[in-house]
Amino acid sequence: MDKVLDLRGLSCPIPLIKTRDALRDSKVVTVLVDDMPPKENILRFAKSQGYKVDCQERAGEYTIRICRE
């Protein structure tokens, strides 16, 4: 089941921890963040785990789609 996490307004390390925990239960997680450090940390983590990642930016908000293969 896909999961969507709205983590806008939260600062590190909370978005990364919530993303990591969500990936334990879901094959696809979509994360919404609105700051560069959480975006970079989540992307770095997902790539280091070998997950497929897509990141889109619109009006200062980032939508990160992570797929466990």
PDB file of N, CA and C in Angstrom:
ATOM      1  N   MET A   1       0.841  -1.184   0.000  1.00  0.00           N
ATOM      2  CA  MET A   1       0.000   0.000   0.000  1.00  0.00           C
ATOM      3  C   MET A   1       0.882   1.242   0.000  1.00  0.00           C
ATOM      4  N   ASP A   2       0.545   2.214  -0.835  1.00  0.00           N
ATOM      5  CA  ASP A   2       1.294   3.461  -0.888  1.00  0.00           C
ATOM      6  C   ASP A   2       0.954   4.323   0.321  1.00  0.00           C
ATOM      7  N   LYS A   3       1.944   5.080   0.769  1.00  0.00           N
ATOM      8  CA  LYS A   3       1.757   5.946   1.922  1.00  0.00           C
ATOM      9  C   LYS A   3       2.182   7.355   1.537  1.00  0.00           C
ATOM     10  N   VAL A   4       1.460   8.368   2.027  1.00  0.00           N
ATOM     11  CA  VAL A   4       1.810   9.769   1.806  1.00  0.00           C
ATOM     12  C   VAL A   4       2.096  10.400   3.159  1.00  0.00           C
ATOM     13  N   LEU A   5       3.261  11.049   3.257  1.00  0.00           N
ATOM     14  CA  LEU A   5       3.660  11.738   4.482  1.00  0.00           C
ATOM     15  C   LEU A   5       3.738  13.230   4.205  1.00  0.00           C
ATOM     16  N   ASP A   6       2.945  14.021   4.905  1.00  0.00           N
ATOM     17  CA  ASP A   6       3.032  15.476   4.792  1.00  0.00           C
ATOM     18  C   ASP A   6       3.905  15.960   5.941  1.00  0.00           C
ATOM     19  N   LEU A   7       5.172  16.217   5.636  1.00  0.00           N
ATOM     20  CA  LEU A   7       6.145  16.589   6.660  1.00  0.00           C
ATOM     21  C   LEU A   7       6.570  18.047   6.521  1.00  0.00           C
ATOM     22  N   ARG A   8       5.745  18.836   5.852  1.00  0.00           N
ATOM     23  CA  ARG A   8       6.038  20.258   5.703  1.00  0.00           C
ATOM     24  C   ARG A   8       6.030  20.927   7.067  1.00  0.00           C
ATOM     25  N   GLY A   9       6.996  21.820   7.261  1.00  0.00           N
ATOM     26  CA  GLY A   9       7.087  22.550   8.517  1.00  0.00           C
ATOM     27  C   GLY A   9       7.914  21.857   9.582  1.00  0.00           C
ATOM     28  N   LEU A  10       8.334  20.625   9.331  1.00  0.00           N
ATOM     29  CA  LEU A  10       9.144  19.896  10.308  1.00  0.00           C
ATOM     30  C   LEU A  10      10.621  20.030   9.957  1.00  0.00           C
ATOM     31  N   SER A  11      11.461  20.102  10.992  1.00  0.00           N
ATOM     32  CA  SER A  11      12.899  20.215  10.747  1.00  0.00           C
ATOM     33  C   SER A  11      13.585  18.891  11.054  1.00  0.00           C
ATOM     34  N   CYS A  12      14.793  18.762  10.538  1.00  0.00           N
ATOM     35  CA  CYS A  12      15.585  17.537  10.696  1.00  0.00           C
ATOM     36  C   CYS A  12      15.875  17.291  12.163  1.00  0.00           C
ATOM     37  N   PRO A  13      15.909  16.038  12.549  1.00  0.00           N
ATOM     38  CA  PRO A  13      15.871  14.816  11.755  1.00  0.00           C
ATOM     39  C   PRO A  13      14.482  14.185  11.628  1.00  0.00           C
ATOM     40  N   ILE A  14      13.441  14.875  12.090  1.00  0.00           N
ATOM     41  CA  ILE A  14      12.095  14.283  12.122  1.00  0.00           C
ATOM     42  C   ILE A  14      11.630  13.769  10.746  1.00  0.00           C
ATOM     43  N   PRO A  15      11.736  14.559   9.659  1.00  0.00           N
ATOM     44  CA  PRO A  15      11.273  14.033   8.363  1.00  0.00           C
ATOM     45  C   PRO A  15      12.004  12.757   7.933  1.00  0.00           C
ATOM     46  N   LEU A  16      13.295  12.702   8.176  1.00  0.00           N
ATOM     47  CA  LEU A  16      14.058  11.512   7.801  1.00  0.00           C
ATOM     48  C   LEU A  16      13.620  10.295   8.617  1.00  0.00           C
ATOM     49  N   ILE A  17      13.434  10.469   9.898  1.00  0.00           N
ATOM     50  CA  ILE A  17      13.020   9.359  10.768  1.00  0.00           C
ATOM     51  C   ILE A  17      11.636   8.845  10.358  1.00  0.00           C
ATOM     52  N   LYS A  18      10.694   9.761  10.116  1.00  0.00           N
ATOM     53  CA  LYS A  18       9.346   9.350   9.720  1.00  0.00           C
ATOM     54  C   LYS A  18       9.351   8.660   8.357  1.00  0.00           C
ATOM     55  N   THR A  19      10.201   9.144   7.444  1.00  0.00           N
ATOM     56  CA  THR A  19      10.311   8.512   6.126  1.00  0.00           C
ATOM     57  C   THR A  19      10.880   7.108   6.256  1.00  0.00           C
ATOM     58  N   ARG A  20      11.944   6.977   7.014  1.00  0.00           N
ATOM     59  CA  ARG A  20      12.563   5.658   7.224  1.00  0.00           C
ATOM     60  C   ARG A  20      11.557   4.677   7.820  1.00  0.00           C
ATOM     61  N   ASP A  21      10.813   5.121   8.818  1.00  0.00           N
ATOM     62  CA  ASP A  21       9.828   4.250   9.455  1.00  0.00           C
ATOM     63  C   ASP A  21       8.714   3.852   8.485  1.00  0.00           C
ATOM     64  N   ALA A  22       8.266   4.783   7.655  1.00  0.00           N
ATOM     65  CA  ALA A  22       7.200   4.487   6.690  1.00  0.00           C
ATOM     66  C   ALA A  22       7.657   3.468   5.658  1.00  0.00           C
ATOM     67  N   LEU A  23       8.925   3.510   5.292  1.00  0.00           N
ATOM     68  CA  LEU A  23       9.441   2.577   4.289  1.00  0.00           C
ATOM     69  C   LEU A  23       9.540   1.145   4.816  1.00  0.00           C
ATOM     70  N   ARG A  24       9.453   0.961   6.108  1.00  0.00           N
ATOM     71  CA  ARG A  24       9.440  -0.395   6.679  1.00  0.00           C
ATOM     72  C   ARG A  24       8.128  -1.106   6.351  1.00  0.00           C
ATOM     73  N   ASP A  25       7.046  -0.316   6.242  1.00  0.00           N
ATOM     74  CA  ASP A  25       5.711  -0.888   6.057  1.00  0.00           C
ATOM     75  C   ASP A  25       5.155  -0.747   4.646  1.00  0.00           C
ATOM     76  N   SER A  26       5.723   0.146   3.847  1.00  0.00           N
ATOM     77  CA  SER A  26       5.170   0.434   2.523  1.00  0.00           C
ATOM     78  C   SER A  26       6.236   0.314   1.448  1.00  0.00           C
ATOM     79  N   LYS A  27       5.820  -0.158   0.271  1.00  0.00           N
ATOM     80  CA  LYS A  27       6.754  -0.258  -0.855  1.00  0.00           C
ATOM     81  C   LYS A  27       6.939   1.084  -1.541  1.00  0.00           C
ATOM     82  N   VAL A  28       5.919   1.942  -1.487  1.00  0.00           N
ATOM     83  CA  VAL A  28       5.993   3.263  -2.105  1.00  0.00           C
ATOM     84  C   VAL A  28       5.588   4.305  -1.071  1.00  0.00           C
ATOM     85  N   VAL A  29       6.446   5.304  -0.894  1.00  0.00           N
ATOM     86  CA  VAL A  29       6.175   6.393   0.041  1.00  0.00           C
ATOM     87  C   VAL A  29       6.364   7.711  -0.700  1.00  0.00           C
ATOM     88  N   THR A  30       5.373   8.585  -0.594  1.00  0.00           N
ATOM     89  CA  THR A  30       5.476   9.934  -1.144  1.00  0.00           C
ATOM     90  C   THR A  30       5.598  10.894   0.028  1.00  0.00           C
ATOM     91  N   VAL A  31       6.648  11.712  -0.002  1.00  0.00           N
ATOM     92  CA  VAL A  31       6.960  12.613   1.102  1.00  0.00           C
ATOM     93  C   VAL A  31       6.856  14.051   0.613  1.00  0.00           C
ATOM     94  N   LEU A  32       6.158  14.883   1.385  1.00  0.00           N
ATOM     95  CA  LEU A  32       6.062  16.309   1.093  1.00  0.00           C
ATOM     96  C   LEU A  32       6.876  17.071   2.130  1.00  0.00           C
ATOM     97  N   VAL A  33       7.849  17.858   1.673  1.00  0.00           N
ATOM     98  CA  VAL A  33       8.653  18.702   2.562  1.00  0.00           C
ATOM     99  C   VAL A  33       8.762  20.091   1.941  1.00  0.00           C
ATOM    100  N   ASP A  34       9.105  21.074   2.780  1.00  0.00           N
ATOM    101  CA  ASP A  34       9.182  22.447   2.286  1.00  0.00           C
ATOM    102  C   ASP A  34      10.495  23.138   2.640  1.00  0.00           C
ATOM    103  N   ASP A  35      11.533  22.342   2.872  1.00  0.00           N
ATOM    104  CA  ASP A  35      12.832  22.919   3.204  1.00  0.00           C
ATOM    105  C   ASP A  35      13.927  22.057   2.582  1.00  0.00           C
ATOM    106  N   MET A  36      15.019  22.686   2.217  1.00  0.00           N
ATOM    107  CA  MET A  36      16.100  21.996   1.511  1.00  0.00           C
ATOM    108  C   MET A  36      16.793  20.917   2.358  1.00  0.00           C
ATOM    109  N   PRO A  37      17.156  21.174   3.630  1.00  0.00           N
ATOM    110  CA  PRO A  37      17.860  20.122   4.389  1.00  0.00           C
ATOM    111  C   PRO A  37      17.083  18.808   4.512  1.00  0.00           C
ATOM    112  N   PRO A  38      15.788  18.828   4.856  1.00  0.00           N
ATOM    113  CA  PRO A  38      15.072  17.545   4.894  1.00  0.00           C
ATOM    114  C   PRO A  38      15.038  16.875   3.527  1.00  0.00           C
ATOM    115  N   LYS A  39      14.847  17.664   2.481  1.00  0.00           N
ATOM    116  CA  LYS A  39      14.825  17.095   1.128  1.00  0.00           C
ATOM    117  C   LYS A  39      16.135  16.383   0.831  1.00  0.00           C
ATOM    118  N   GLU A  40      17.245  17.054   1.073  1.00  0.00           N
ATOM    119  CA  GLU A  40      18.559  16.474   0.788  1.00  0.00           C
ATOM    120  C   GLU A  40      18.819  15.231   1.637  1.00  0.00           C
ATOM    121  N   ASN A  41      18.464  15.281   2.916  1.00  0.00           N
ATOM    122  CA  ASN A  41      18.683  14.131   3.802  1.00  0.00           C
ATOM    123  C   ASN A  41      17.857  12.922   3.367  1.00  0.00           C
ATOM    124  N   ILE A  42      16.606  13.148   2.994  1.00  0.00           N
ATOM    125  CA  ILE A  42      15.746  12.049   2.559  1.00  0.00           C
ATOM    126  C   ILE A  42      16.259  11.459   1.252  1.00  0.00           C
ATOM    127  N   LEU A  43      16.644  12.318   0.304  1.00  0.00           N
ATOM    128  CA  LEU A  43      17.181  11.820  -0.968  1.00  0.00           C
ATOM    129  C   LEU A  43      18.454  11.013  -0.745  1.00  0.00           C
ATOM    130  N   ARG A  44      19.343  11.524   0.087  1.00  0.00           N
ATOM    131  CA  ARG A  44      20.610  10.832   0.360  1.00  0.00           C
ATOM    132  C   ARG A  44      20.350   9.469   0.997  1.00  0.00           C
ATOM    133  N   PHE A  45      19.458   9.433   1.974  1.00  0.00           N
ATOM    134  CA  PHE A  45      19.125   8.174   2.643  1.00  0.00           C
ATOM    135  C   PHE A  45      18.538   7.165   1.654  1.00  0.00           C
ATOM    136  N   ALA A  46      17.547   7.600   0.879  1.00  0.00           N
ATOM    137  CA  ALA A  46      16.870   6.687  -0.046  1.00  0.00           C
ATOM    138  C   ALA A  46      17.845   6.120  -1.068  1.00  0.00           C
ATOM    139  N   LYS A  47      18.698   6.962  -1.609  1.00  0.00           N
ATOM    140  CA  LYS A  47      19.676   6.499  -2.596  1.00  0.00           C
ATOM    141  C   LYS A  47      20.681   5.544  -1.963  1.00  0.00           C
ATOM    142  N   SER A  48      21.077   5.812  -0.714  1.00  0.00           N
ATOM    143  CA  SER A  48      22.051   4.938  -0.048  1.00  0.00           C
ATOM    144  C   SER A  48      21.473   3.552   0.219  1.00  0.00           C
ATOM    145  N   GLN A  49      20.141   3.465   0.299  1.00  0.00           N
ATOM    146  CA  GLN A  49      19.473   2.180   0.529  1.00  0.00           C
ATOM    147  C   GLN A  49      19.130   1.470  -0.776  1.00  0.00           C
ATOM    148  N   GLY A  50      19.430   2.115  -1.900  1.00  0.00           N
ATOM    149  CA  GLY A  50      19.150   1.511  -3.197  1.00  0.00           C
ATOM    150  C   GLY A  50      17.714   1.674  -3.669  1.00  0.00           C
ATOM    151  N   TYR A  51      16.964   2.591  -3.056  1.00  0.00           N
ATOM    152  CA  TYR A  51      15.582   2.819  -3.450  1.00  0.00           C
ATOM    153  C   TYR A  51      15.533   3.688  -4.705  1.00  0.00           C
ATOM    154  N   LYS A  52      14.480   3.512  -5.472  1.00  0.00           N
ATOM    155  CA  LYS A  52      14.240   4.360  -6.642  1.00  0.00           C
ATOM    156  C   LYS A  52      13.587   5.651  -6.143  1.00  0.00           C
ATOM    157  N   VAL A  53      14.128   6.798  -6.582  1.00  0.00           N
ATOM    158  CA  VAL A  53      13.676   8.084  -6.048  1.00  0.00           C
ATOM    159  C   VAL A  53      13.358   9.056  -7.181  1.00  0.00           C
ATOM    160  N   ASP A  54      12.257   9.785  -7.010  1.00  0.00           N
ATOM    161  CA  ASP A  54      11.915  10.873  -7.921  1.00  0.00           C
ATOM    162  C   ASP A  54      11.547  12.080  -7.067  1.00  0.00           C
ATOM    163  N   CYS A  55      12.107  13.252  -7.409  1.00  0.00           N
ATOM    164  CA  CYS A  55      11.841  14.462  -6.634  1.00  0.00           C
ATOM    165  C   CYS A  55      11.379  15.571  -7.572  1.00  0.00           C
ATOM    166  N   GLN A  56      10.254  16.167  -7.225  1.00  0.00           N
ATOM    167  CA  GLN A  56       9.709  17.296  -7.983  1.00  0.00           C
ATOM    168  C   GLN A  56       9.611  18.501  -7.051  1.00  0.00           C
ATOM    169  N   GLU A  57       9.906  19.689  -7.603  1.00  0.00           N
ATOM    170  CA  GLU A  57       9.824  20.919  -6.811  1.00  0.00           C
ATOM    171  C   GLU A  57       8.797  21.844  -7.439  1.00  0.00           C
ATOM    172  N   ARG A  58       7.942  22.402  -6.588  1.00  0.00           N
ATOM    173  CA  ARG A  58       6.974  23.384  -7.061  1.00  0.00           C
ATOM    174  C   ARG A  58       6.735  24.407  -5.959  1.00  0.00           C
ATOM    175  N   ALA A  59       6.999  25.657  -6.279  1.00  0.00           N
ATOM    176  CA  ALA A  59       6.740  26.781  -5.361  1.00  0.00           C
ATOM    177  C   ALA A  59       7.383  26.569  -3.993  1.00  0.00           C
ATOM    178  N   GLY A  60       8.622  26.090  -3.987  1.00  0.00           N
ATOM    179  CA  GLY A  60       9.348  25.926  -2.733  1.00  0.00           C
ATOM    180  C   GLY A  60       8.975  24.698  -1.931  1.00  0.00           C
ATOM    181  N   GLU A  61       8.139  23.839  -2.489  1.00  0.00           N
ATOM    182  CA  GLU A  61       7.782  22.590  -1.821  1.00  0.00           C
ATOM    183  C   GLU A  61       8.256  21.426  -2.674  1.00  0.00           C
ATOM    184  N   TYR A  62       8.653  20.356  -2.007  1.00  0.00           N
ATOM    185  CA  TYR A  62       9.229  19.203  -2.689  1.00  0.00           C
ATOM    186  C   TYR A  62       8.348  17.981  -2.472  1.00  0.00           C
ATOM    187  N   THR A  63       8.114  17.262  -3.555  1.00  0.00           N
ATOM    188  CA  THR A  63       7.401  15.993  -3.501  1.00  0.00           C
ATOM    189  C   THR A  63       8.405  14.910  -3.873  1.00  0.00           C
ATOM    190  N   ILE A  64       8.691  14.045  -2.920  1.00  0.00           N
ATOM    191  CA  ILE A  64       9.682  12.990  -3.110  1.00  0.00           C
ATOM    192  C   ILE A  64       8.944  11.656  -3.121  1.00  0.00           C
ATOM    193  N   ARG A  65       9.085  10.921  -4.216  1.00  0.00           N
ATOM    194  CA  ARG A  65       8.455   9.595  -4.326  1.00  0.00           C
ATOM    195  C   ARG A  65       9.554   8.547  -4.225  1.00  0.00           C
ATOM    196  N   ILE A  66       9.437   7.673  -3.249  1.00  0.00           N
ATOM    197  CA  ILE A  66      10.442   6.647  -2.986  1.00  0.00           C
ATOM    198  C   ILE A  66       9.798   5.278  -3.179  1.00  0.00           C
ATOM    199  N   CYS A  67      10.463   4.434  -3.970  1.00  0.00           N
ATOM    200  CA  CYS A  67       9.957   3.082  -4.235  1.00  0.00           C
ATOM    201  C   CYS A  67      10.993   2.055  -3.795  1.00  0.00           C
ATOM    202  N   ARG A  68      10.556   1.139  -2.942  1.00  0.00           N
ATOM    203  CA  ARG A  68      11.399  -0.010  -2.606  1.00  0.00           C
ATOM    204  C   ARG A  68      11.218  -1.033  -3.697  1.00  0.00           C
ATOM    205  N   GLU A  69      12.313  -1.580  -4.185  1.00  0.00           N
ATOM    206  CA  GLU A  69      12.188  -2.564  -5.265  1.00  0.00           C
ATOM    207  C   GLU A  69      12.348  -3.965  -4.747  1.00  0.00           C
TER     208      GLU A  69
END
